[in-house]
N, C-alpha and C. Protein backbone atom coordinates (compact mmCIF):
# COMPACT_ATOMS: atom_id res chain seq x y z
N ALA A 1 100.49 -15.23 12.18
CA ALA A 1 100.90 -14.21 11.20
C ALA A 1 101.49 -12.97 11.88
N HIS A 2 101.66 -13.04 13.22
CA HIS A 2 102.25 -11.93 13.99
C HIS A 2 101.40 -10.65 13.87
N LEU A 3 100.09 -10.82 13.86
CA LEU A 3 99.16 -9.69 13.83
C LEU A 3 98.50 -9.54 15.19
N THR A 4 97.90 -8.37 15.43
CA THR A 4 97.12 -8.17 16.64
C THR A 4 95.95 -9.16 16.66
N VAL A 5 95.79 -9.87 17.77
CA VAL A 5 94.74 -10.89 17.87
C VAL A 5 93.46 -10.20 18.36
N ASP A 6 92.67 -9.68 17.39
CA ASP A 6 91.45 -8.96 17.72
C ASP A 6 90.20 -9.63 17.18
N GLY A 7 90.37 -10.73 16.42
CA GLY A 7 89.19 -11.43 15.88
C GLY A 7 88.52 -10.69 14.75
N ILE A 8 89.17 -9.67 14.20
CA ILE A 8 88.59 -8.87 13.12
C ILE A 8 89.36 -9.14 11.83
N VAL A 9 88.62 -9.47 10.77
CA VAL A 9 89.27 -9.74 9.49
C VAL A 9 89.41 -8.42 8.73
N GLY A 10 90.47 -7.71 9.00
CA GLY A 10 90.72 -6.43 8.36
C GLY A 10 91.71 -6.54 7.21
N PRO A 11 92.14 -5.40 6.67
CA PRO A 11 93.05 -5.42 5.50
C PRO A 11 94.35 -6.18 5.75
N ARG A 12 94.96 -6.04 6.95
CA ARG A 12 96.22 -6.73 7.21
C ARG A 12 96.02 -8.24 7.25
N THR A 13 94.91 -8.67 7.83
CA THR A 13 94.62 -10.11 7.86
C THR A 13 94.43 -10.64 6.45
N ARG A 14 93.71 -9.88 5.63
CA ARG A 14 93.48 -10.33 4.26
C ARG A 14 94.79 -10.37 3.47
N ARG A 15 95.67 -9.41 3.71
CA ARG A 15 96.97 -9.44 3.02
C ARG A 15 97.78 -10.65 3.47
N ALA A 16 97.67 -10.99 4.75
CA ALA A 16 98.41 -12.15 5.25
C ALA A 16 97.90 -13.45 4.65
N LEU A 17 96.67 -13.46 4.20
CA LEU A 17 96.11 -14.65 3.55
C LEU A 17 96.61 -14.80 2.12
N GLY A 18 97.33 -13.82 1.62
CA GLY A 18 97.92 -13.93 0.29
C GLY A 18 96.88 -13.94 -0.81
N HIS A 19 97.12 -14.77 -1.83
CA HIS A 19 96.21 -14.84 -2.97
C HIS A 19 94.80 -15.21 -2.52
N TYR A 20 94.70 -16.05 -1.50
CA TYR A 20 93.37 -16.48 -1.04
C TYR A 20 92.52 -15.30 -0.57
N GLY A 21 93.14 -14.31 0.07
CA GLY A 21 92.38 -13.18 0.61
C GLY A 21 92.33 -11.96 -0.27
N ARG A 22 92.78 -12.08 -1.50
CA ARG A 22 92.94 -10.91 -2.36
C ARG A 22 91.61 -10.32 -2.83
N HIS A 23 90.67 -11.15 -3.19
CA HIS A 23 89.47 -10.66 -3.88
C HIS A 23 88.32 -10.41 -2.89
N ARG A 24 87.81 -9.21 -2.91
CA ARG A 24 86.64 -8.87 -2.10
C ARG A 24 85.38 -9.48 -2.71
N PHE A 25 84.43 -9.78 -1.85
CA PHE A 25 83.18 -10.38 -2.29
C PHE A 25 82.43 -9.44 -3.22
N GLY A 26 82.02 -9.94 -4.37
CA GLY A 26 81.26 -9.17 -5.33
C GLY A 26 82.08 -8.47 -6.38
N ARG A 27 83.41 -8.61 -6.34
CA ARG A 27 84.26 -7.90 -7.29
C ARG A 27 84.58 -8.71 -8.54
N ARG A 28 84.33 -10.01 -8.52
CA ARG A 28 84.61 -10.81 -9.72
C ARG A 28 83.53 -11.87 -9.91
N MET A 29 83.38 -12.33 -11.13
CA MET A 29 82.45 -13.40 -11.44
C MET A 29 83.01 -14.70 -10.87
N LEU A 30 82.16 -15.44 -10.16
CA LEU A 30 82.60 -16.68 -9.54
C LEU A 30 81.92 -17.87 -10.19
N HIS A 31 82.71 -18.90 -10.45
CA HIS A 31 82.17 -20.10 -11.07
C HIS A 31 82.95 -21.31 -10.58
N ILE A 32 82.51 -22.49 -10.95
CA ILE A 32 83.10 -23.73 -10.47
C ILE A 32 84.59 -23.78 -10.82
N GLY A 33 85.38 -24.26 -9.86
CA GLY A 33 86.82 -24.36 -10.03
C GLY A 33 87.61 -23.22 -9.41
N MET A 34 86.93 -22.12 -8.99
CA MET A 34 87.62 -20.98 -8.42
C MET A 34 87.78 -21.16 -6.91
N ARG A 35 88.75 -20.44 -6.32
CA ARG A 35 89.01 -20.51 -4.90
C ARG A 35 89.28 -19.11 -4.38
N GLY A 36 89.02 -18.90 -3.09
CA GLY A 36 89.38 -17.63 -2.50
C GLY A 36 88.44 -17.16 -1.42
N TRP A 37 88.85 -16.03 -0.86
CA TRP A 37 88.08 -15.34 0.19
C TRP A 37 86.65 -15.10 -0.26
N ASP A 38 86.48 -14.60 -1.48
CA ASP A 38 85.14 -14.27 -1.96
C ASP A 38 84.30 -15.51 -2.20
N VAL A 39 84.92 -16.64 -2.51
CA VAL A 39 84.16 -17.88 -2.65
C VAL A 39 83.61 -18.31 -1.30
N ALA A 40 84.44 -18.21 -0.24
CA ALA A 40 83.96 -18.53 1.11
C ALA A 40 82.82 -17.60 1.50
N ALA A 41 82.93 -16.32 1.16
CA ALA A 41 81.86 -15.36 1.45
C ALA A 41 80.58 -15.73 0.69
N LEU A 42 80.73 -16.19 -0.55
CA LEU A 42 79.58 -16.64 -1.33
C LEU A 42 78.92 -17.84 -0.65
N GLN A 43 79.72 -18.80 -0.21
CA GLN A 43 79.17 -19.97 0.47
C GLN A 43 78.39 -19.57 1.71
N PHE A 44 78.94 -18.65 2.48
CA PHE A 44 78.26 -18.20 3.70
C PHE A 44 76.96 -17.47 3.36
N SER A 45 77.00 -16.62 2.36
CA SER A 45 75.81 -15.85 1.98
C SER A 45 74.72 -16.76 1.45
N LEU A 46 75.08 -17.76 0.66
CA LEU A 46 74.10 -18.73 0.17
C LEU A 46 73.45 -19.47 1.34
N ALA A 47 74.27 -19.88 2.31
CA ALA A 47 73.74 -20.59 3.47
C ALA A 47 72.79 -19.70 4.26
N LYS A 48 73.15 -18.45 4.45
CA LYS A 48 72.30 -17.51 5.19
C LYS A 48 70.95 -17.35 4.52
N HIS A 49 70.93 -17.47 3.19
CA HIS A 49 69.68 -17.36 2.44
C HIS A 49 68.96 -18.70 2.31
N GLY A 50 69.48 -19.73 2.96
CA GLY A 50 68.77 -21.00 3.00
C GLY A 50 69.27 -22.06 2.05
N PHE A 51 70.48 -21.85 1.49
CA PHE A 51 71.02 -22.80 0.53
C PHE A 51 72.46 -23.18 0.90
N PRO A 52 72.62 -23.88 2.03
CA PRO A 52 73.98 -24.28 2.44
C PRO A 52 74.59 -25.27 1.47
N SER A 53 75.93 -25.21 1.37
CA SER A 53 76.64 -26.07 0.43
C SER A 53 77.67 -26.95 1.12
N GLY A 54 77.59 -27.05 2.45
CA GLY A 54 78.56 -27.84 3.19
C GLY A 54 79.54 -26.95 3.92
N THR A 55 80.81 -27.32 3.88
CA THR A 55 81.84 -26.59 4.61
C THR A 55 82.16 -25.25 3.94
N PHE A 56 82.37 -24.21 4.75
CA PHE A 56 82.82 -22.92 4.23
C PHE A 56 84.33 -23.02 4.01
N ASP A 57 84.72 -23.52 2.85
CA ASP A 57 86.14 -23.79 2.60
C ASP A 57 86.75 -22.93 1.50
N GLY A 58 85.95 -22.05 0.88
CA GLY A 58 86.49 -21.19 -0.16
C GLY A 58 86.81 -21.88 -1.46
N ASP A 59 86.28 -23.08 -1.63
CA ASP A 59 86.54 -23.87 -2.84
C ASP A 59 85.23 -24.04 -3.60
N PHE A 60 85.13 -23.46 -4.78
CA PHE A 60 83.88 -23.51 -5.58
C PHE A 60 83.82 -24.86 -6.29
N GLY A 61 83.28 -25.84 -5.58
CA GLY A 61 83.13 -27.18 -6.11
C GLY A 61 81.69 -27.47 -6.49
N PRO A 62 81.36 -28.75 -6.73
CA PRO A 62 80.01 -29.12 -7.18
C PRO A 62 78.91 -28.81 -6.18
N HIS A 63 79.21 -28.88 -4.87
CA HIS A 63 78.17 -28.59 -3.88
C HIS A 63 77.82 -27.10 -3.88
N THR A 64 78.84 -26.25 -3.99
CA THR A 64 78.58 -24.81 -4.08
C THR A 64 77.85 -24.47 -5.38
N HIS A 65 78.24 -25.12 -6.45
CA HIS A 65 77.59 -24.90 -7.75
C HIS A 65 76.11 -25.26 -7.66
N ALA A 66 75.80 -26.40 -7.04
CA ALA A 66 74.40 -26.83 -6.92
C ALA A 66 73.60 -25.87 -6.03
N ALA A 67 74.22 -25.43 -4.92
CA ALA A 67 73.53 -24.50 -4.02
C ALA A 67 73.26 -23.17 -4.72
N LEU A 68 74.23 -22.69 -5.50
CA LEU A 68 74.06 -21.43 -6.23
C LEU A 68 72.93 -21.54 -7.25
N ARG A 69 72.85 -22.64 -7.96
CA ARG A 69 71.78 -22.82 -8.94
C ARG A 69 70.41 -22.87 -8.25
N ARG A 70 70.34 -23.51 -7.09
CA ARG A 70 69.08 -23.54 -6.35
C ARG A 70 68.68 -22.15 -5.90
N PHE A 71 69.66 -21.36 -5.43
CA PHE A 71 69.35 -19.98 -5.04
C PHE A 71 68.91 -19.16 -6.23
N GLN A 72 69.59 -19.31 -7.35
CA GLN A 72 69.20 -18.55 -8.54
C GLN A 72 67.79 -18.88 -8.97
N ARG A 73 67.41 -20.13 -8.86
CA ARG A 73 66.03 -20.51 -9.17
C ARG A 73 65.07 -19.83 -8.19
N PHE A 74 65.41 -19.87 -6.89
CA PHE A 74 64.59 -19.23 -5.87
C PHE A 74 64.42 -17.73 -6.15
N ALA A 75 65.52 -17.09 -6.55
CA ALA A 75 65.51 -15.64 -6.80
C ALA A 75 65.01 -15.29 -8.20
N ARG A 76 64.60 -16.31 -8.95
CA ARG A 76 64.08 -16.13 -10.31
C ARG A 76 65.12 -15.48 -11.22
N LEU A 77 66.33 -16.01 -11.14
CA LEU A 77 67.42 -15.58 -12.00
C LEU A 77 67.76 -16.70 -12.97
N GLY A 78 68.57 -16.39 -13.96
CA GLY A 78 69.07 -17.43 -14.84
C GLY A 78 69.91 -18.43 -14.06
N ARG A 79 69.63 -19.70 -14.20
CA ARG A 79 70.32 -20.74 -13.42
C ARG A 79 71.58 -21.19 -14.15
N ASP A 80 72.57 -20.30 -14.22
CA ASP A 80 73.80 -20.63 -14.94
C ASP A 80 74.93 -21.09 -14.02
N GLY A 81 74.70 -21.04 -12.70
CA GLY A 81 75.74 -21.47 -11.77
C GLY A 81 76.92 -20.54 -11.69
N VAL A 82 76.76 -19.30 -12.15
CA VAL A 82 77.82 -18.29 -12.10
C VAL A 82 77.33 -17.12 -11.25
N ALA A 83 78.12 -16.73 -10.26
CA ALA A 83 77.76 -15.60 -9.40
C ALA A 83 78.23 -14.31 -10.06
N GLY A 84 77.28 -13.57 -10.59
CA GLY A 84 77.57 -12.29 -11.23
C GLY A 84 76.77 -11.18 -10.58
N PRO A 85 76.67 -10.00 -11.22
CA PRO A 85 76.00 -8.85 -10.62
C PRO A 85 74.56 -9.13 -10.16
N ALA A 86 73.77 -9.84 -10.96
CA ALA A 86 72.39 -10.10 -10.58
C ALA A 86 72.31 -10.98 -9.33
N THR A 87 73.20 -11.98 -9.26
CA THR A 87 73.23 -12.84 -8.08
C THR A 87 73.65 -12.06 -6.84
N TYR A 88 74.66 -11.21 -6.98
CA TYR A 88 75.11 -10.42 -5.83
C TYR A 88 74.00 -9.49 -5.34
N ARG A 89 73.25 -8.88 -6.27
CA ARG A 89 72.15 -8.01 -5.85
C ARG A 89 71.10 -8.81 -5.08
N ALA A 90 70.80 -10.01 -5.56
CA ALA A 90 69.81 -10.85 -4.88
C ALA A 90 70.30 -11.27 -3.49
N LEU A 91 71.59 -11.54 -3.36
CA LEU A 91 72.14 -11.95 -2.07
C LEU A 91 72.20 -10.80 -1.06
N ARG A 92 72.14 -9.57 -1.54
CA ARG A 92 72.14 -8.43 -0.63
C ARG A 92 70.75 -8.18 -0.03
N ARG A 93 69.73 -8.83 -0.57
CA ARG A 93 68.39 -8.69 0.01
C ARG A 93 68.29 -9.48 1.30
N PRO A 94 67.34 -9.14 2.19
CA PRO A 94 67.17 -9.91 3.43
C PRO A 94 66.78 -11.35 3.11
N PRO A 95 67.20 -12.31 3.93
CA PRO A 95 66.80 -13.70 3.72
C PRO A 95 65.28 -13.86 3.83
N ALA A 96 64.76 -14.90 3.21
CA ALA A 96 63.32 -15.17 3.24
C ALA A 96 62.87 -15.53 4.65
N ARG A 97 61.58 -15.36 4.90
CA ARG A 97 60.97 -15.72 6.19
C ARG A 97 59.77 -16.62 5.93
N CYS A 98 59.42 -17.41 6.92
CA CYS A 98 58.25 -18.28 6.79
C CYS A 98 56.99 -17.42 6.78
N PRO A 99 56.11 -17.60 5.80
CA PRO A 99 54.93 -16.73 5.68
C PRO A 99 53.73 -17.18 6.51
N ILE A 100 53.81 -18.31 7.21
CA ILE A 100 52.68 -18.79 8.00
C ILE A 100 53.10 -18.95 9.46
N VAL A 101 52.10 -18.99 10.33
CA VAL A 101 52.34 -19.20 11.77
C VAL A 101 52.49 -20.69 12.03
N LEU A 102 53.46 -21.05 12.88
CA LEU A 102 53.72 -22.45 13.20
C LEU A 102 53.60 -22.68 14.70
N ARG A 103 53.17 -23.88 15.04
CA ARG A 103 53.09 -24.29 16.43
C ARG A 103 54.38 -25.02 16.82
N ARG A 104 54.81 -24.84 18.03
CA ARG A 104 56.02 -25.52 18.51
C ARG A 104 55.78 -27.03 18.45
N PRO A 105 56.65 -27.80 17.76
CA PRO A 105 56.39 -29.22 17.54
C PRO A 105 56.60 -30.12 18.76
N VAL A 106 57.37 -29.66 19.73
CA VAL A 106 57.58 -30.44 20.96
C VAL A 106 57.90 -29.45 22.08
N ARG A 107 57.40 -29.77 23.26
CA ARG A 107 57.66 -28.90 24.41
C ARG A 107 59.05 -29.21 24.95
N ALA A 108 60.02 -28.42 24.56
CA ALA A 108 61.39 -28.66 24.95
C ALA A 108 62.21 -27.40 24.68
N PRO A 109 63.30 -27.22 25.42
CA PRO A 109 64.16 -26.05 25.18
C PRO A 109 64.96 -26.19 23.89
N ILE A 110 65.34 -25.05 23.33
CA ILE A 110 66.14 -25.03 22.11
C ILE A 110 67.61 -25.13 22.50
N SER A 111 68.28 -26.14 21.97
CA SER A 111 69.69 -26.34 22.30
C SER A 111 70.62 -25.85 21.20
N ASP A 112 70.12 -25.68 20.00
CA ASP A 112 70.96 -25.19 18.90
C ASP A 112 70.06 -24.43 17.93
N ARG A 113 70.46 -23.23 17.58
CA ARG A 113 69.64 -22.37 16.74
C ARG A 113 70.04 -22.45 15.26
N PHE A 114 69.25 -21.81 14.45
CA PHE A 114 69.50 -21.68 13.02
C PHE A 114 70.69 -20.75 12.80
N GLY A 115 71.65 -21.17 12.00
CA GLY A 115 72.77 -20.30 11.69
C GLY A 115 74.09 -21.03 11.65
N PRO A 116 75.21 -20.28 11.65
CA PRO A 116 76.53 -20.91 11.54
C PRO A 116 76.81 -21.85 12.70
N ARG A 117 77.45 -22.96 12.37
CA ARG A 117 77.89 -23.92 13.38
C ARG A 117 79.31 -24.34 13.00
N GLU A 118 80.29 -23.76 13.70
CA GLU A 118 81.70 -23.95 13.35
C GLU A 118 81.90 -23.56 11.88
N ASN A 119 82.36 -24.49 11.03
CA ASN A 119 82.62 -24.12 9.63
C ASN A 119 81.52 -24.60 8.69
N ARG A 120 80.33 -24.84 9.26
CA ARG A 120 79.18 -25.26 8.46
C ARG A 120 77.97 -24.42 8.86
N PHE A 121 76.78 -24.80 8.39
CA PHE A 121 75.58 -24.03 8.69
C PHE A 121 74.48 -24.98 9.17
N HIS A 122 73.86 -24.62 10.29
CA HIS A 122 72.76 -25.41 10.85
C HIS A 122 71.45 -24.89 10.26
N ALA A 123 70.79 -25.70 9.45
CA ALA A 123 69.64 -25.24 8.67
C ALA A 123 68.31 -25.32 9.41
N GLY A 124 68.33 -25.62 10.70
CA GLY A 124 67.09 -25.68 11.48
C GLY A 124 67.38 -25.34 12.93
N ILE A 125 66.50 -25.80 13.82
CA ILE A 125 66.73 -25.66 15.26
C ILE A 125 66.65 -27.04 15.89
N ASP A 126 67.38 -27.23 16.97
CA ASP A 126 67.33 -28.48 17.73
C ASP A 126 66.60 -28.24 19.04
N LEU A 127 65.65 -29.12 19.34
CA LEU A 127 64.91 -29.06 20.60
C LEU A 127 65.23 -30.33 21.39
N THR A 128 65.89 -30.16 22.52
CA THR A 128 66.32 -31.31 23.32
C THR A 128 65.18 -31.76 24.22
N ALA A 129 64.68 -32.96 23.93
CA ALA A 129 63.58 -33.53 24.69
C ALA A 129 63.92 -34.96 25.07
N ARG A 130 63.19 -35.51 26.00
CA ARG A 130 63.44 -36.89 26.41
C ARG A 130 63.13 -37.85 25.27
N TYR A 131 63.81 -38.97 25.27
CA TYR A 131 63.59 -40.00 24.26
C TYR A 131 62.14 -40.46 24.33
N GLY A 132 61.46 -40.48 23.18
CA GLY A 132 60.07 -40.93 23.12
C GLY A 132 59.04 -39.84 23.30
N ALA A 133 59.48 -38.59 23.55
CA ALA A 133 58.52 -37.49 23.69
C ALA A 133 57.73 -37.32 22.39
N MET A 134 56.45 -36.94 22.52
CA MET A 134 55.58 -36.81 21.36
C MET A 134 55.95 -35.57 20.54
N VAL A 135 56.02 -35.76 19.22
CA VAL A 135 56.26 -34.68 18.27
C VAL A 135 54.97 -34.42 17.50
N ARG A 136 54.57 -33.17 17.39
CA ARG A 136 53.29 -32.83 16.77
C ARG A 136 53.49 -31.90 15.58
N ALA A 137 52.55 -31.94 14.65
CA ALA A 137 52.62 -31.13 13.44
C ALA A 137 52.55 -29.65 13.78
N ALA A 138 53.43 -28.88 13.17
CA ALA A 138 53.48 -27.44 13.43
C ALA A 138 52.37 -26.68 12.73
N ALA A 139 51.74 -27.29 11.73
CA ALA A 139 50.63 -26.67 10.99
C ALA A 139 49.90 -27.78 10.23
N SER A 140 48.71 -27.49 9.77
CA SER A 140 47.95 -28.46 8.99
C SER A 140 48.59 -28.64 7.63
N GLY A 141 48.45 -29.84 7.07
CA GLY A 141 49.01 -30.08 5.75
C GLY A 141 48.93 -31.53 5.35
N ARG A 142 49.74 -31.90 4.37
CA ARG A 142 49.78 -33.28 3.88
C ARG A 142 51.21 -33.81 4.00
N VAL A 143 51.32 -35.05 4.47
CA VAL A 143 52.63 -35.67 4.65
C VAL A 143 53.24 -35.94 3.28
N ARG A 144 54.40 -35.35 3.07
CA ARG A 144 55.12 -35.53 1.81
C ARG A 144 56.06 -36.72 1.87
N ARG A 145 56.62 -36.95 3.06
CA ARG A 145 57.58 -38.04 3.22
C ARG A 145 57.54 -38.53 4.65
N ALA A 146 57.67 -39.84 4.84
CA ALA A 146 57.73 -40.43 6.18
C ALA A 146 58.53 -41.72 6.08
N GLY A 147 59.75 -41.70 6.58
CA GLY A 147 60.59 -42.88 6.49
C GLY A 147 62.03 -42.56 6.78
N TRP A 148 62.90 -43.49 6.43
CA TRP A 148 64.33 -43.36 6.71
C TRP A 148 65.00 -42.46 5.69
N ASN A 149 65.88 -41.58 6.18
CA ASN A 149 66.67 -40.70 5.32
C ASN A 149 68.14 -41.07 5.49
N SER A 150 68.81 -41.37 4.38
CA SER A 150 70.20 -41.81 4.43
C SER A 150 71.18 -40.65 4.52
N GLY A 151 70.69 -39.42 4.47
CA GLY A 151 71.57 -38.26 4.50
C GLY A 151 71.90 -37.75 5.88
N GLY A 152 71.53 -38.49 6.93
CA GLY A 152 71.87 -38.08 8.29
C GLY A 152 70.69 -37.69 9.15
N TYR A 153 69.50 -37.52 8.54
CA TYR A 153 68.33 -37.12 9.30
C TYR A 153 67.70 -38.28 10.08
N GLY A 154 68.08 -39.51 9.76
CA GLY A 154 67.44 -40.66 10.41
C GLY A 154 66.00 -40.78 9.97
N TYR A 155 65.14 -41.20 10.90
CA TYR A 155 63.70 -41.26 10.57
C TYR A 155 63.17 -39.83 10.47
N LEU A 156 62.59 -39.54 9.31
CA LEU A 156 62.23 -38.17 8.95
C LEU A 156 60.79 -38.09 8.46
N VAL A 157 60.10 -37.03 8.88
CA VAL A 157 58.78 -36.71 8.36
C VAL A 157 58.83 -35.32 7.74
N VAL A 158 58.30 -35.18 6.52
CA VAL A 158 58.22 -33.90 5.84
C VAL A 158 56.75 -33.62 5.55
N ILE A 159 56.27 -32.44 5.94
CA ILE A 159 54.87 -32.07 5.75
C ILE A 159 54.80 -30.83 4.86
N ARG A 160 53.95 -30.90 3.85
CA ARG A 160 53.72 -29.76 2.96
C ARG A 160 52.48 -29.02 3.44
N HIS A 161 52.59 -27.70 3.60
CA HIS A 161 51.52 -26.90 4.20
C HIS A 161 50.87 -25.91 3.23
N GLY A 162 51.32 -25.83 2.01
CA GLY A 162 50.83 -24.78 1.12
C GLY A 162 51.63 -23.51 1.33
N HIS A 163 51.39 -22.51 0.51
CA HIS A 163 52.12 -21.23 0.55
C HIS A 163 53.62 -21.45 0.34
N GLY A 164 54.00 -22.59 -0.24
CA GLY A 164 55.40 -22.88 -0.48
C GLY A 164 56.17 -23.36 0.73
N VAL A 165 55.45 -23.71 1.82
CA VAL A 165 56.09 -24.05 3.09
C VAL A 165 56.08 -25.56 3.33
N ARG A 166 57.22 -26.08 3.78
CA ARG A 166 57.33 -27.45 4.25
C ARG A 166 58.03 -27.45 5.60
N THR A 167 57.61 -28.35 6.49
CA THR A 167 58.31 -28.53 7.75
C THR A 167 58.90 -29.92 7.79
N MET A 168 60.04 -30.05 8.50
CA MET A 168 60.78 -31.31 8.55
C MET A 168 61.07 -31.67 10.01
N TYR A 169 60.83 -32.93 10.35
CA TYR A 169 60.99 -33.42 11.72
C TYR A 169 61.96 -34.61 11.66
N ALA A 170 63.17 -34.43 12.20
CA ALA A 170 64.23 -35.41 11.98
C ALA A 170 64.70 -36.08 13.27
N HIS A 171 65.41 -37.20 13.09
CA HIS A 171 66.00 -38.03 14.16
C HIS A 171 64.94 -38.73 15.01
N LEU A 172 63.76 -38.95 14.43
CA LEU A 172 62.67 -39.57 15.19
C LEU A 172 62.98 -41.03 15.52
N SER A 173 62.41 -41.49 16.63
CA SER A 173 62.53 -42.90 17.00
C SER A 173 61.37 -43.72 16.47
N ARG A 174 60.25 -43.06 16.23
CA ARG A 174 59.05 -43.74 15.73
C ARG A 174 58.22 -42.78 14.91
N LEU A 175 57.58 -43.29 13.86
CA LEU A 175 56.72 -42.49 13.00
C LEU A 175 55.26 -42.78 13.30
N SER A 176 54.42 -41.73 13.25
CA SER A 176 52.98 -41.89 13.51
C SER A 176 52.14 -41.54 12.30
N VAL A 177 52.78 -41.26 11.15
CA VAL A 177 52.06 -40.85 9.94
C VAL A 177 52.63 -41.61 8.75
N HIS A 178 51.93 -41.52 7.63
CA HIS A 178 52.40 -42.13 6.40
C HIS A 178 52.27 -41.13 5.25
N ARG A 179 52.98 -41.39 4.19
CA ARG A 179 52.99 -40.48 3.06
C ARG A 179 51.59 -40.32 2.47
N GLY A 180 51.24 -39.08 2.15
CA GLY A 180 49.94 -38.77 1.56
C GLY A 180 48.86 -38.47 2.58
N GLN A 181 49.12 -38.71 3.84
CA GLN A 181 48.12 -38.49 4.89
C GLN A 181 47.90 -37.01 5.14
N ARG A 182 46.64 -36.61 5.26
CA ARG A 182 46.32 -35.23 5.63
C ARG A 182 46.23 -35.16 7.14
N ILE A 183 46.89 -34.15 7.70
CA ILE A 183 46.89 -34.01 9.15
C ILE A 183 46.60 -32.56 9.53
N SER A 184 46.11 -32.36 10.75
CA SER A 184 45.81 -31.03 11.25
C SER A 184 46.90 -30.58 12.22
N VAL A 185 46.93 -29.30 12.50
CA VAL A 185 47.93 -28.76 13.41
C VAL A 185 47.80 -29.46 14.77
N GLY A 186 48.91 -29.86 15.34
CA GLY A 186 48.91 -30.54 16.62
C GLY A 186 48.77 -32.04 16.54
N SER A 187 48.56 -32.58 15.33
CA SER A 187 48.44 -34.04 15.18
C SER A 187 49.78 -34.71 15.47
N ARG A 188 49.72 -35.95 15.92
CA ARG A 188 50.94 -36.70 16.21
C ARG A 188 51.71 -37.00 14.92
N VAL A 189 53.00 -36.72 14.95
CA VAL A 189 53.88 -36.98 13.82
C VAL A 189 54.79 -38.17 14.11
N GLY A 190 55.29 -38.23 15.31
CA GLY A 190 56.20 -39.31 15.71
C GLY A 190 56.71 -39.05 17.11
N ARG A 191 57.82 -39.71 17.45
CA ARG A 191 58.40 -39.54 18.78
C ARG A 191 59.89 -39.20 18.67
N VAL A 192 60.35 -38.40 19.62
CA VAL A 192 61.74 -37.97 19.65
C VAL A 192 62.68 -39.18 19.74
N GLY A 193 63.76 -39.12 18.99
CA GLY A 193 64.75 -40.19 19.02
C GLY A 193 66.15 -39.63 18.81
N ALA A 194 67.04 -40.51 18.38
CA ALA A 194 68.42 -40.12 18.11
C ALA A 194 68.93 -40.87 16.89
N THR A 195 68.05 -41.06 15.90
CA THR A 195 68.44 -41.80 14.70
C THR A 195 69.20 -40.89 13.74
N GLY A 196 69.95 -41.51 12.84
CA GLY A 196 70.77 -40.73 11.92
C GLY A 196 71.98 -40.15 12.62
N HIS A 197 72.43 -38.99 12.16
CA HIS A 197 73.60 -38.34 12.75
C HIS A 197 73.15 -37.48 13.92
N ALA A 198 72.94 -38.12 15.06
CA ALA A 198 72.47 -37.41 16.25
C ALA A 198 73.26 -37.87 17.46
N PHE A 199 73.63 -36.91 18.31
CA PHE A 199 74.33 -37.22 19.56
C PHE A 199 73.35 -37.02 20.71
N GLY A 200 72.55 -38.02 20.97
CA GLY A 200 71.56 -37.93 22.01
C GLY A 200 70.20 -37.56 21.47
N PRO A 201 69.14 -37.86 22.23
CA PRO A 201 67.77 -37.61 21.76
C PRO A 201 67.45 -36.12 21.63
N HIS A 202 66.93 -35.75 20.49
CA HIS A 202 66.45 -34.39 20.26
C HIS A 202 65.65 -34.37 18.96
N LEU A 203 64.89 -33.31 18.76
CA LEU A 203 64.19 -33.10 17.49
C LEU A 203 64.92 -32.03 16.70
N HIS A 204 65.32 -32.37 15.49
CA HIS A 204 65.83 -31.36 14.56
C HIS A 204 64.64 -30.92 13.71
N PHE A 205 64.30 -29.65 13.80
CA PHE A 205 63.12 -29.10 13.13
C PHE A 205 63.55 -28.06 12.11
N GLU A 206 63.17 -28.31 10.85
CA GLU A 206 63.50 -27.39 9.75
C GLU A 206 62.23 -26.86 9.10
N VAL A 207 62.35 -25.66 8.57
CA VAL A 207 61.27 -25.04 7.79
C VAL A 207 61.86 -24.63 6.44
N ARG A 208 61.20 -25.04 5.37
CA ARG A 208 61.61 -24.66 4.03
C ARG A 208 60.52 -23.81 3.38
N PHE A 209 60.92 -22.71 2.76
CA PHE A 209 59.99 -21.86 2.01
C PHE A 209 60.48 -21.79 0.57
N ARG A 210 59.71 -22.37 -0.33
CA ARG A 210 60.09 -22.45 -1.74
C ARG A 210 61.48 -23.06 -1.90
N GLY A 211 61.80 -24.01 -1.06
CA GLY A 211 63.08 -24.70 -1.15
C GLY A 211 64.19 -24.11 -0.32
N ALA A 212 64.01 -22.90 0.21
CA ALA A 212 65.03 -22.27 1.03
C ALA A 212 64.81 -22.60 2.49
N ALA A 213 65.87 -22.99 3.19
CA ALA A 213 65.79 -23.20 4.63
C ALA A 213 65.70 -21.83 5.31
N VAL A 214 64.65 -21.64 6.13
CA VAL A 214 64.46 -20.35 6.83
C VAL A 214 64.44 -20.59 8.33
N ASP A 215 64.74 -19.56 9.07
CA ASP A 215 64.77 -19.64 10.54
C ASP A 215 63.36 -19.91 11.05
N PRO A 216 63.15 -21.04 11.76
CA PRO A 216 61.80 -21.34 12.25
C PRO A 216 61.34 -20.41 13.38
N LEU A 217 62.26 -19.86 14.16
CA LEU A 217 61.89 -19.16 15.39
C LEU A 217 60.89 -18.00 15.20
N PRO A 218 61.08 -17.12 14.19
CA PRO A 218 60.13 -16.00 14.06
C PRO A 218 58.70 -16.47 13.77
N ALA A 219 58.53 -17.69 13.24
CA ALA A 219 57.18 -18.17 12.90
C ALA A 219 56.52 -18.95 14.03
N LEU A 220 57.29 -19.38 15.03
CA LEU A 220 56.74 -20.22 16.10
C LEU A 220 55.93 -19.39 17.08
N ARG A 221 54.80 -19.93 17.46
CA ARG A 221 53.92 -19.30 18.45
C ARG A 221 53.63 -20.27 19.58
């Protein structure tokens, strides 16, 4: 666009984007079928609050609509799938945090953190460990799910801990628990693998609070 290459999205950059960059975030009601700069900002803000909708593409499609309704439910708003003043006010609040202390599920370095990943959002953390390393429960609770996930997680274990918290352990090579089982903190959950959409062995660890994906790091001890 023959602009100064400074990596800053300022007024000239937005003007160069034409109709797509015209509307500032929060200035108009957003609903399914709309496109633009502010829609992309809505997608990013929803993801930051734990409700990613896929690619940040500025296109208000069914995935963004579903993510917005889930956020509205979380924020105790009317679930109309329209981003209006009440939704914008809720999105300006700090993202939720995990209310309980969690134990590190595997002794391994963190290779990918919670947050933006290219044009999508990484809803957990990745811990790179050797294939077959033991994965342990981050807190006491009851196993909600243990089995294959067709959405890319591979072999997945989900544990419900109370206080609205669930932890998720993905890409496992082997499961050590079954649905409905009560387990204590540090109990064996499974072993590190590379099942599902994984490039090499690692544990993808997610924390959900009332349905919102939250950054696990502040809760880990």
